[in-house]
Amino acid sequence: ALKEIIANGLDSVDFDNGQFSGVKVKYQPGVAGAAKIVSLTLDDGSAVTDDGLYTVGTNDFQFFGGDKYTMIKPNATAVRETFEPTRDILIEAARKTGTIAVPSIDGLVTH
């Protein structure tokens, strides 16, 4: 399901491309669905596997199928709804660290 989620947000014609972090993606443009993902690697270098379990954070719009992310909710287990606006989470993180850093995106998505 993680490959489907990432693939859904790549080269979309109906909505802006998805945003993600924590993974590096190599894909084939023009291929439909999860088959377009050539490789999906976590930041620690380990490969995402089809039978692996991964923690994913998202917003309620996508969780409930917005922008064709209909694969998220049916595949989710141990869902924890925080009811916290994303902006509040980001503000709190910035306050704790004292800074907002924009990581390099070079090499995160390749084809």
Protein backbone atom coordinates (compact mmCIF):
# COMPACT_ATOMS: atom_id res chain seq x y z
CA ALA A 1 0.00 0.00 0.00
CA LEU A 2 2.89 2.40 0.69
CA LYS A 3 4.05 2.06 -2.91
CA GLU A 4 0.50 2.78 -4.10
CA ILE A 5 0.34 5.88 -1.89
CA ILE A 6 3.63 7.25 -3.19
CA ALA A 7 2.79 6.34 -6.81
CA ASN A 8 -0.55 8.13 -6.55
CA GLY A 9 1.24 11.41 -5.92
CA LEU A 10 3.80 11.12 -8.74
CA ASP A 11 3.09 12.77 -12.11
CA SER A 12 -0.55 13.37 -11.23
CA VAL A 13 -2.67 15.05 -13.88
CA ASP A 14 -5.71 15.66 -11.64
CA PHE A 15 -4.00 17.36 -8.65
CA ASP A 16 -0.61 18.65 -7.51
CA ASN A 17 2.07 16.05 -6.94
CA GLY A 18 2.11 14.54 -3.46
CA GLN A 19 4.67 15.48 -0.85
CA PHE A 20 6.44 12.96 1.33
CA SER A 21 9.52 12.57 3.45
CA GLY A 22 11.49 9.72 4.96
CA VAL A 23 11.85 7.81 1.69
CA LYS A 24 13.80 7.95 -1.56
CA VAL A 25 11.89 7.00 -4.69
CA LYS A 26 12.98 5.81 -8.11
CA TYR A 27 10.11 5.45 -10.58
CA GLN A 28 9.14 5.00 -14.22
CA PRO A 29 7.08 7.90 -15.62
CA GLY A 30 4.04 6.85 -17.62
CA VAL A 31 3.52 3.57 -15.77
CA ALA A 32 0.27 3.25 -13.82
CA GLY A 33 -0.13 2.50 -10.13
CA ALA A 34 2.41 0.94 -7.80
CA ALA A 35 4.13 -0.71 -10.80
CA LYS A 36 5.71 2.67 -11.58
CA ILE A 37 7.83 2.39 -8.39
CA VAL A 38 11.22 0.92 -9.30
CA SER A 39 12.60 1.26 -5.78
CA LEU A 40 11.47 2.76 -2.50
CA THR A 41 14.11 3.17 0.21
CA LEU A 42 13.82 4.48 3.76
CA ASP A 43 16.16 7.26 4.90
CA ASP A 44 18.26 4.67 6.75
CA GLY A 45 18.97 2.92 3.42
CA SER A 46 16.73 -0.11 3.96
CA ALA A 47 14.36 -1.11 1.19
CA VAL A 48 10.61 -0.85 1.64
CA THR A 49 9.19 -4.36 1.36
CA ASP A 50 5.72 -5.44 0.29
CA ASP A 51 5.12 -7.26 3.58
CA GLY A 52 6.65 -4.61 5.84
CA LEU A 53 4.69 -2.47 8.31
CA TYR A 54 5.43 1.26 8.29
CA THR A 55 4.25 4.21 10.33
CA VAL A 56 2.76 6.91 8.13
CA GLY A 57 1.48 10.33 9.08
CA THR A 58 -1.09 12.05 6.91
CA ASN A 59 -3.92 14.55 7.09
CA ASP A 60 -7.61 13.71 7.25
CA PHE A 61 -8.23 14.87 3.67
CA GLN A 62 -5.95 12.21 2.24
CA PHE A 63 -6.82 9.59 4.86
CA PHE A 64 -10.46 9.73 3.80
CA GLY A 65 -9.63 9.45 0.07
CA GLY A 66 -9.07 13.01 -1.12
CA ASP A 67 -6.97 13.42 -4.29
CA LYS A 68 -7.59 9.73 -5.08
CA TYR A 69 -5.72 8.47 -1.99
CA THR A 70 -8.43 5.83 -1.55
CA MET A 71 -5.85 3.16 -0.67
CA ILE A 72 -4.83 4.70 2.67
CA LYS A 73 -7.80 4.05 4.97
CA PRO A 74 -8.50 0.42 3.93
CA ASN A 75 -4.85 -0.50 4.51
CA ALA A 76 -4.38 1.39 7.78
CA THR A 77 -4.05 -0.42 11.09
CA ALA A 78 -3.62 1.00 14.59
CA VAL A 79 -4.92 4.40 13.43
CA ARG A 80 -4.42 7.23 15.91
CA GLU A 81 -6.37 10.39 15.20
CA THR A 82 -4.87 13.40 16.97
CA PHE A 83 -7.38 16.01 15.78
CA GLU A 84 -4.45 18.44 15.75
CA PRO A 85 -4.12 20.81 12.80
CA THR A 86 -0.92 20.18 10.85
CA ARG A 87 0.08 23.83 11.24
CA ASP A 88 -0.02 23.48 15.05
CA ILE A 89 2.24 20.41 14.93
CA LEU A 90 4.71 22.27 12.71
CA ILE A 91 4.68 25.36 14.93
CA GLU A 92 5.32 23.26 18.05
CA ALA A 93 8.20 21.43 16.34
CA ALA A 94 9.75 24.76 15.33
CA ARG A 95 9.40 26.09 18.87
CA LYS A 96 11.08 23.01 20.33
CA THR A 97 14.03 23.12 17.93
CA GLY A 98 14.22 26.89 17.61
CA THR A 99 14.52 26.67 13.85
CA ILE A 100 12.88 25.53 10.66
CA ALA A 101 15.29 23.68 8.40
CA VAL A 102 14.56 22.77 4.82
CA PRO A 103 16.35 19.53 3.99
CA SER A 104 17.89 18.96 0.58
CA ILE A 105 15.56 17.15 -1.79
CA ASP A 106 18.31 16.27 -4.27
CA GLY A 107 18.03 12.64 -5.25
CA LEU A 108 14.80 11.92 -3.34
CA VAL A 109 12.79 11.30 -6.50
CA THR A 110 14.47 10.01 -9.65
CA HIS A 111 13.44 8.31 -12.84
